[in-house]
Amino acid sequence: MNIYVGNLPFSSAGADLEELFGEYGQVDSASVISDRETGRSRGFGFVEMANDDEARKAIEELDGADFDGRNLRVNEARPRR
């Protein structure tokens, strides 16, 4: 399942997401989206988890959770158009 993670601190990296979501199960990939021109984080990212049950538990527990002083927005990612 692909998971959207928003309201990230700008200092966050993919490794931080992998560690955070790894507490709930196997993380296949984790990335923070950065601005193409500046290279600075845009404050959101995506996590891919193989097991849907583990992914749903992570979404349920991490949505609204405090992460480095910011309340995360976590939900299932919508397909790209």
PDB file of N, CA and C in Angstrom:
ATOM      1  N   MET A   1       0.850  -1.177   0.000  1.00  0.00           N
ATOM      2  CA  MET A   1       0.000   0.000   0.000  1.00  0.00           C
ATOM      3  C   MET A   1       0.895   1.240   0.000  1.00  0.00           C
ATOM      4  N   ASN A   2       0.513   2.216  -0.789  1.00  0.00           N
ATOM      5  CA  ASN A   2       1.250   3.475  -0.846  1.00  0.00           C
ATOM      6  C   ASN A   2       0.593   4.459   0.124  1.00  0.00           C
ATOM      7  N   ILE A   3       1.386   5.062   0.995  1.00  0.00           N
ATOM      8  CA  ILE A   3       0.880   5.936   2.063  1.00  0.00           C
ATOM      9  C   ILE A   3       1.423   7.340   1.878  1.00  0.00           C
ATOM     10  N   TYR A   4       0.527   8.329   1.952  1.00  0.00           N
ATOM     11  CA  TYR A   4       0.906   9.742   1.911  1.00  0.00           C
ATOM     12  C   TYR A   4       1.192  10.200   3.336  1.00  0.00           C
ATOM     13  N   VAL A   5       2.282  10.923   3.529  1.00  0.00           N
ATOM     14  CA  VAL A   5       2.637  11.468   4.844  1.00  0.00           C
ATOM     15  C   VAL A   5       2.860  12.966   4.669  1.00  0.00           C
ATOM     16  N   GLY A   6       1.990  13.778   5.254  1.00  0.00           N
ATOM     17  CA  GLY A   6       2.078  15.222   5.114  1.00  0.00           C
ATOM     18  C   GLY A   6       2.398  15.924   6.418  1.00  0.00           C
ATOM     19  N   ASN A   7       2.698  17.210   6.311  1.00  0.00           N
ATOM     20  CA  ASN A   7       3.049  18.076   7.430  1.00  0.00           C
ATOM     21  C   ASN A   7       4.347  17.634   8.107  1.00  0.00           C
ATOM     22  N   LEU A   8       5.271  17.137   7.281  1.00  0.00           N
ATOM     23  CA  LEU A   8       6.575  16.708   7.809  1.00  0.00           C
ATOM     24  C   LEU A   8       7.449  17.914   8.130  1.00  0.00           C
ATOM     25  N   PRO A   9       8.303  17.802   9.149  1.00  0.00           N
ATOM     26  CA  PRO A   9       9.308  18.839   9.366  1.00  0.00           C
ATOM     27  C   PRO A   9      10.216  18.900   8.138  1.00  0.00           C
ATOM     28  N   PHE A  10      10.663  20.087   7.777  1.00  0.00           N
ATOM     29  CA  PHE A  10      11.486  20.238   6.582  1.00  0.00           C
ATOM     30  C   PHE A  10      12.847  19.560   6.710  1.00  0.00           C
ATOM     31  N   SER A  11      13.219  19.178   7.923  1.00  0.00           N
ATOM     32  CA  SER A  11      14.501  18.492   8.139  1.00  0.00           C
ATOM     33  C   SER A  11      14.386  16.980   7.943  1.00  0.00           C
ATOM     34  N   SER A  12      13.178  16.468   7.693  1.00  0.00           N
ATOM     35  CA  SER A  12      12.964  15.024   7.570  1.00  0.00           C
ATOM     36  C   SER A  12      13.560  14.459   6.286  1.00  0.00           C
ATOM     37  N   ALA A  13      13.996  13.201   6.382  1.00  0.00           N
ATOM     38  CA  ALA A  13      14.530  12.475   5.227  1.00  0.00           C
ATOM     39  C   ALA A  13      13.810  11.137   5.112  1.00  0.00           C
ATOM     40  N   GLY A  14      14.025  10.463   4.005  1.00  0.00           N
ATOM     41  CA  GLY A  14      13.402   9.161   3.784  1.00  0.00           C
ATOM     42  C   GLY A  14      13.735   8.164   4.880  1.00  0.00           C
ATOM     43  N   ALA A  15      14.957   8.223   5.392  1.00  0.00           N
ATOM     44  CA  ALA A  15      15.375   7.306   6.463  1.00  0.00           C
ATOM     45  C   ALA A  15      14.543   7.518   7.725  1.00  0.00           C
ATOM     46  N   ASP A  16      14.142   8.770   7.994  1.00  0.00           N
ATOM     47  CA  ASP A  16      13.301   9.053   9.159  1.00  0.00           C
ATOM     48  C   ASP A  16      11.936   8.393   9.004  1.00  0.00           C
ATOM     49  N   LEU A  17      11.383   8.471   7.796  1.00  0.00           N
ATOM     50  CA  LEU A  17      10.081   7.835   7.539  1.00  0.00           C
ATOM     51  C   LEU A  17      10.195   6.317   7.628  1.00  0.00           C
ATOM     52  N   GLU A  18      11.275   5.789   7.089  1.00  0.00           N
ATOM     53  CA  GLU A  18      11.473   4.337   7.120  1.00  0.00           C
ATOM     54  C   GLU A  18      11.559   3.842   8.568  1.00  0.00           C
ATOM     55  N   GLU A  19      12.250   4.581   9.405  1.00  0.00           N
ATOM     56  CA  GLU A  19      12.365   4.205  10.822  1.00  0.00           C
ATOM     57  C   GLU A  19      11.019   4.313  11.524  1.00  0.00           C
ATOM     58  N   LEU A  20      10.285   5.396  11.269  1.00  0.00           N
ATOM     59  CA  LEU A  20       8.987   5.617  11.917  1.00  0.00           C
ATOM     60  C   LEU A  20       7.987   4.538  11.528  1.00  0.00           C
ATOM     61  N   PHE A  21       7.851   4.265  10.248  1.00  0.00           N
ATOM     62  CA  PHE A  21       6.873   3.282   9.785  1.00  0.00           C
ATOM     63  C   PHE A  21       7.354   1.853   9.994  1.00  0.00           C
ATOM     64  N   GLY A  22       8.653   1.659  10.125  1.00  0.00           N
ATOM     65  CA  GLY A  22       9.209   0.335  10.369  1.00  0.00           C
ATOM     66  C   GLY A  22       8.736  -0.278  11.673  1.00  0.00           C
ATOM     67  N   GLU A  23       8.269   0.544  12.592  1.00  0.00           N
ATOM     68  CA  GLU A  23       7.732   0.045  13.856  1.00  0.00           C
ATOM     69  C   GLU A  23       6.431  -0.722  13.644  1.00  0.00           C
ATOM     70  N   TYR A  24       5.787  -0.533  12.482  1.00  0.00           N
ATOM     71  CA  TYR A  24       4.491  -1.157  12.204  1.00  0.00           C
ATOM     72  C   TYR A  24       4.585  -2.304  11.210  1.00  0.00           C
ATOM     73  N   GLY A  25       5.747  -2.484  10.588  1.00  0.00           N
ATOM     74  CA  GLY A  25       5.907  -3.576   9.640  1.00  0.00           C
ATOM     75  C   GLY A  25       7.002  -3.280   8.630  1.00  0.00           C
ATOM     76  N   GLN A  26       7.057  -4.118   7.600  1.00  0.00           N
ATOM     77  CA  GLN A  26       8.090  -3.994   6.579  1.00  0.00           C
ATOM     78  C   GLN A  26       7.816  -2.802   5.670  1.00  0.00           C
ATOM     79  N   VAL A  27       8.814  -1.936   5.546  1.00  0.00           N
ATOM     80  CA  VAL A  27       8.738  -0.774   4.656  1.00  0.00           C
ATOM     81  C   VAL A  27       9.528  -1.104   3.391  1.00  0.00           C
ATOM     82  N   ASP A  28       8.844  -1.067   2.243  1.00  0.00           N
ATOM     83  CA  ASP A  28       9.520  -1.348   0.973  1.00  0.00           C
ATOM     84  C   ASP A  28      10.291  -0.129   0.479  1.00  0.00           C
ATOM     85  N   SER A  29       9.714   1.057   0.666  1.00  0.00           N
ATOM     86  CA  SER A  29      10.412   2.286   0.279  1.00  0.00           C
ATOM     87  C   SER A  29       9.819   3.454   1.053  1.00  0.00           C
ATOM     88  N   ALA A  30      10.629   4.486   1.221  1.00  0.00           N
ATOM     89  CA  ALA A  30      10.193   5.703   1.904  1.00  0.00           C
ATOM     90  C   ALA A  30      10.953   6.870   1.287  1.00  0.00           C
ATOM     91  N   SER A  31      10.231   7.929   0.927  1.00  0.00           N
ATOM     92  CA  SER A  31      10.900   9.089   0.337  1.00  0.00           C
ATOM     93  C   SER A  31      10.193  10.367   0.733  1.00  0.00           C
ATOM     94  N   VAL A  32      10.994  11.406   0.879  1.00  0.00           N
ATOM     95  CA  VAL A  32      10.483  12.746   1.135  1.00  0.00           C
ATOM     96  C   VAL A  32      10.632  13.517  -0.177  1.00  0.00           C
ATOM     97  N   ILE A  33       9.578  14.193  -0.592  1.00  0.00           N
ATOM     98  CA  ILE A  33       9.585  14.923  -1.857  1.00  0.00           C
ATOM     99  C   ILE A  33      10.279  16.270  -1.659  1.00  0.00           C
ATOM    100  N   SER A  34      11.187  16.582  -2.575  1.00  0.00           N
ATOM    101  CA  SER A  34      11.926  17.843  -2.459  1.00  0.00           C
ATOM    102  C   SER A  34      11.659  18.724  -3.677  1.00  0.00           C
ATOM    103  N   ASP A  35      11.845  20.014  -3.485  1.00  0.00           N
ATOM    104  CA  ASP A  35      11.675  20.996  -4.547  1.00  0.00           C
ATOM    105  C   ASP A  35      12.767  20.801  -5.590  1.00  0.00           C
ATOM    106  N   ARG A  36      12.409  20.806  -6.840  1.00  0.00           N
ATOM    107  CA  ARG A  36      13.387  20.552  -7.911  1.00  0.00           C
ATOM    108  C   ARG A  36      14.441  21.647  -8.004  1.00  0.00           C
ATOM    109  N   GLU A  37      14.041  22.875  -7.759  1.00  0.00           N
ATOM    110  CA  GLU A  37      14.984  23.995  -7.912  1.00  0.00           C
ATOM    111  C   GLU A  37      15.891  24.177  -6.708  1.00  0.00           C
ATOM    112  N   THR A  38      15.313  24.099  -5.509  1.00  0.00           N
ATOM    113  CA  THR A  38      16.097  24.378  -4.307  1.00  0.00           C
ATOM    114  C   THR A  38      16.632  23.127  -3.625  1.00  0.00           C
ATOM    115  N   GLY A  39      16.006  21.970  -3.880  1.00  0.00           N
ATOM    116  CA  GLY A  39      16.414  20.744  -3.215  1.00  0.00           C
ATOM    117  C   GLY A  39      15.879  20.629  -1.798  1.00  0.00           C
ATOM    118  N   ARG A  40      15.135  21.634  -1.350  1.00  0.00           N
ATOM    119  CA  ARG A  40      14.581  21.650   0.009  1.00  0.00           C
ATOM    120  C   ARG A  40      13.318  20.780   0.066  1.00  0.00           C
ATOM    121  N   SER A  41      13.096  20.150   1.188  1.00  0.00           N
ATOM    122  CA  SER A  41      11.909  19.323   1.388  1.00  0.00           C
ATOM    123  C   SER A  41      10.650  20.147   1.170  1.00  0.00           C
ATOM    124  N   ARG A  42       9.642  19.518   0.576  1.00  0.00           N
ATOM    125  CA  ARG A  42       8.357  20.186   0.378  1.00  0.00           C
ATOM    126  C   ARG A  42       7.393  19.877   1.524  1.00  0.00           C
ATOM    127  N   GLY A  43       7.838  19.102   2.510  1.00  0.00           N
ATOM    128  CA  GLY A  43       7.018  18.858   3.701  1.00  0.00           C
ATOM    129  C   GLY A  43       6.083  17.666   3.585  1.00  0.00           C
ATOM    130  N   PHE A  44       6.280  16.842   2.565  1.00  0.00           N
ATOM    131  CA  PHE A  44       5.483  15.621   2.468  1.00  0.00           C
ATOM    132  C   PHE A  44       6.298  14.522   1.813  1.00  0.00           C
ATOM    133  N   GLY A  45       5.792  13.298   1.962  1.00  0.00           N
ATOM    134  CA  GLY A  45       6.496  12.160   1.389  1.00  0.00           C
ATOM    135  C   GLY A  45       5.574  10.976   1.235  1.00  0.00           C
ATOM    136  N   PHE A  46       6.159   9.857   0.831  1.00  0.00           N
ATOM    137  CA  PHE A  46       5.392   8.639   0.595  1.00  0.00           C
ATOM    138  C   PHE A  46       6.137   7.443   1.167  1.00  0.00           C
ATOM    139  N   VAL A  47       5.361   6.512   1.690  1.00  0.00           N
ATOM    140  CA  VAL A  47       5.906   5.272   2.227  1.00  0.00           C
ATOM    141  C   VAL A  47       5.157   4.125   1.558  1.00  0.00           C
ATOM    142  N   GLU A  48       5.886   3.130   1.106  1.00  0.00           N
ATOM    143  CA  GLU A  48       5.292   1.940   0.500  1.00  0.00           C
ATOM    144  C   GLU A  48       5.486   0.775   1.453  1.00  0.00           C
ATOM    145  N   MET A  49       4.361   0.152   1.839  1.00  0.00           N
ATOM    146  CA  MET A  49       4.411  -1.016   2.727  1.00  0.00           C
ATOM    147  C   MET A  49       3.756  -2.192   2.012  1.00  0.00           C
ATOM    148  N   ALA A  50       4.374  -3.374   2.113  1.00  0.00           N
ATOM    149  CA  ALA A  50       3.893  -4.557   1.408  1.00  0.00           C
ATOM    150  C   ALA A  50       2.602  -5.106   2.008  1.00  0.00           C
ATOM    151  N   ASN A  51       2.495  -5.089   3.319  1.00  0.00           N
ATOM    152  CA  ASN A  51       1.348  -5.684   4.004  1.00  0.00           C
ATOM    153  C   ASN A  51       0.291  -4.614   4.272  1.00  0.00           C
ATOM    154  N   ASP A  52      -0.908  -4.779   3.679  1.00  0.00           N
ATOM    155  CA  ASP A  52      -1.970  -3.783   3.818  1.00  0.00           C
ATOM    156  C   ASP A  52      -2.459  -3.641   5.258  1.00  0.00           C
ATOM    157  N   ASP A  53      -2.501  -4.742   6.008  1.00  0.00           N
ATOM    158  CA  ASP A  53      -2.954  -4.663   7.401  1.00  0.00           C
ATOM    159  C   ASP A  53      -1.990  -3.831   8.238  1.00  0.00           C
ATOM    160  N   GLU A  54      -0.689  -4.058   8.035  1.00  0.00           N
ATOM    161  CA  GLU A  54       0.319  -3.269   8.756  1.00  0.00           C
ATOM    162  C   GLU A  54       0.235  -1.803   8.337  1.00  0.00           C
ATOM    163  N   ALA A  55       0.017  -1.563   7.052  1.00  0.00           N
ATOM    164  CA  ALA A  55      -0.088  -0.188   6.556  1.00  0.00           C
ATOM    165  C   ALA A  55      -1.294   0.521   7.177  1.00  0.00           C
ATOM    166  N   ARG A  56      -2.431  -0.161   7.246  1.00  0.00           N
ATOM    167  CA  ARG A  56      -3.635   0.450   7.845  1.00  0.00           C
ATOM    168  C   ARG A  56      -3.422   0.776   9.323  1.00  0.00           C
ATOM    169  N   LYS A  57      -2.737  -0.117  10.034  1.00  0.00           N
ATOM    170  CA  LYS A  57      -2.438   0.129  11.455  1.00  0.00           C
ATOM    171  C   LYS A  57      -1.528   1.350  11.590  1.00  0.00           C
ATOM    172  N   ALA A  58      -0.521   1.459  10.716  1.00  0.00           N
ATOM    173  CA  ALA A  58       0.386   2.612  10.749  1.00  0.00           C
ATOM    174  C   ALA A  58      -0.386   3.901  10.476  1.00  0.00           C
ATOM    175  N   ILE A  59      -1.274   3.885   9.485  1.00  0.00           N
ATOM    176  CA  ILE A  59      -2.076   5.069   9.154  1.00  0.00           C
ATOM    177  C   ILE A  59      -2.921   5.472  10.360  1.00  0.00           C
ATOM    178  N   GLU A  60      -3.607   4.488  10.936  1.00  0.00           N
ATOM    179  CA  GLU A  60      -4.495   4.742  12.067  1.00  0.00           C
ATOM    180  C   GLU A  60      -3.746   5.350  13.257  1.00  0.00           C
ATOM    181  N   GLU A  61      -2.566   4.817  13.545  1.00  0.00           N
ATOM    182  CA  GLU A  61      -1.831   5.260  14.731  1.00  0.00           C
ATOM    183  C   GLU A  61      -1.003   6.526  14.508  1.00  0.00           C
ATOM    184  N   LEU A  62      -0.560   6.763  13.274  1.00  0.00           N
ATOM    185  CA  LEU A  62       0.324   7.907  13.033  1.00  0.00           C
ATOM    186  C   LEU A  62      -0.397   9.160  12.553  1.00  0.00           C
ATOM    187  N   ASP A  63      -1.636   9.031  12.054  1.00  0.00           N
ATOM    188  CA  ASP A  63      -2.364  10.219  11.612  1.00  0.00           C
ATOM    189  C   ASP A  63      -2.642  11.113  12.821  1.00  0.00           C
ATOM    190  N   GLY A  64      -2.126  12.330  12.778  1.00  0.00           N
ATOM    191  CA  GLY A  64      -2.277  13.269  13.887  1.00  0.00           C
ATOM    192  C   GLY A  64      -1.196  13.159  14.949  1.00  0.00           C
ATOM    193  N   ALA A  65      -0.314  12.180  14.825  1.00  0.00           N
ATOM    194  CA  ALA A  65       0.757  11.977  15.812  1.00  0.00           C
ATOM    195  C   ALA A  65       1.809  13.081  15.697  1.00  0.00           C
ATOM    196  N   ASP A  66       2.427  13.405  16.827  1.00  0.00           N
ATOM    197  CA  ASP A  66       3.487  14.408  16.858  1.00  0.00           C
ATOM    198  C   ASP A  66       4.792  13.802  16.346  1.00  0.00           C
ATOM    199  N   PHE A  67       5.427  14.485  15.397  1.00  0.00           N
ATOM    200  CA  PHE A  67       6.719  14.063  14.862  1.00  0.00           C
ATOM    201  C   PHE A  67       7.595  15.291  14.761  1.00  0.00           C
ATOM    202  N   ASP A  68       8.562  15.392  15.659  1.00  0.00           N
ATOM    203  CA  ASP A  68       9.449  16.563  15.734  1.00  0.00           C
ATOM    204  C   ASP A  68       8.669  17.873  15.803  1.00  0.00           C
ATOM    205  N   GLY A  69       7.620  17.880  16.623  1.00  0.00           N
ATOM    206  CA  GLY A  69       6.859  19.105  16.859  1.00  0.00           C
ATOM    207  C   GLY A  69       5.769  19.406  15.838  1.00  0.00           C
ATOM    208  N   ARG A  70       5.522  18.506  14.905  1.00  0.00           N
ATOM    209  CA  ARG A  70       4.468  18.720  13.902  1.00  0.00           C
ATOM    210  C   ARG A  70       3.516  17.539  13.919  1.00  0.00           C
ATOM    211  N   ASN A  71       2.220  17.827  13.763  1.00  0.00           N
ATOM    212  CA  ASN A  71       1.209  16.767  13.721  1.00  0.00           C
ATOM    213  C   ASN A  71       1.104  16.229  12.298  1.00  0.00           C
ATOM    214  N   LEU A  72       1.456  14.958  12.143  1.00  0.00           N
ATOM    215  CA  LEU A  72       1.468  14.340  10.822  1.00  0.00           C
ATOM    216  C   LEU A  72       0.066  14.164  10.254  1.00  0.00           C
ATOM    217  N   ARG A  73      -0.026  14.258   8.934  1.00  0.00           N
ATOM    218  CA  ARG A  73      -1.238  13.869   8.207  1.00  0.00           C
ATOM    219  C   ARG A  73      -0.864  12.607   7.447  1.00  0.00           C
ATOM    220  N   VAL A  74      -1.526  11.506   7.775  1.00  0.00           N
ATOM    221  CA  VAL A  74      -1.178  10.225   7.180  1.00  0.00           C
ATOM    222  C   VAL A  74      -2.448   9.576   6.636  1.00  0.00           C
ATOM    223  N   ASN A  75      -2.426   9.210   5.352  1.00  0.00           N
ATOM    224  CA  ASN A  75      -3.551   8.493   4.758  1.00  0.00           C
ATOM    225  C   ASN A  75      -3.087   7.720   3.534  1.00  0.00           C
ATOM    226  N   GLU A  76      -3.983   6.885   3.025  1.00  0.00           N
ATOM    227  CA  GLU A  76      -3.642   6.124   1.820  1.00  0.00           C
ATOM    228  C   GLU A  76      -3.487   7.100   0.664  1.00  0.00           C
ATOM    229  N   ALA A  77      -2.395   6.942  -0.075  1.00  0.00           N
ATOM    230  CA  ALA A  77      -2.121   7.849  -1.190  1.00  0.00           C
ATOM    231  C   ALA A  77      -3.116   7.615  -2.319  1.00  0.00           C
ATOM    232  N   ARG A  78      -3.529   8.706  -2.937  1.00  0.00           N
ATOM    233  CA  ARG A  78      -4.404   8.605  -4.110  1.00  0.00           C
ATOM    234  C   ARG A  78      -3.555   8.288  -5.324  1.00  0.00           C
ATOM    235  N   PRO A  79      -4.095   7.527  -6.270  1.00  0.00           N
ATOM    236  CA  PRO A  79      -3.326   7.204  -7.484  1.00  0.00           C
ATOM    237  C   PRO A  79      -2.988   8.474  -8.268  1.00  0.00           C
ATOM    238  N   ARG A  80      -1.824   8.461  -8.924  1.00  0.00           N
ATOM    239  CA  ARG A  80      -1.425   9.586  -9.765  1.00  0.00           C
ATOM    240  C   ARG A  80      -2.325   9.686 -10.981  1.00  0.00           C
ATOM    241  N   ARG A  81      -2.517  10.891 -11.446  1.00  0.00           N
ATOM    242  CA  ARG A  81      -3.346  11.091 -12.651  1.00  0.00           C
ATOM    243  C   ARG A  81      -2.495  11.380 -13.837  1.00  0.00           C
TER     244      ARG A  81
END
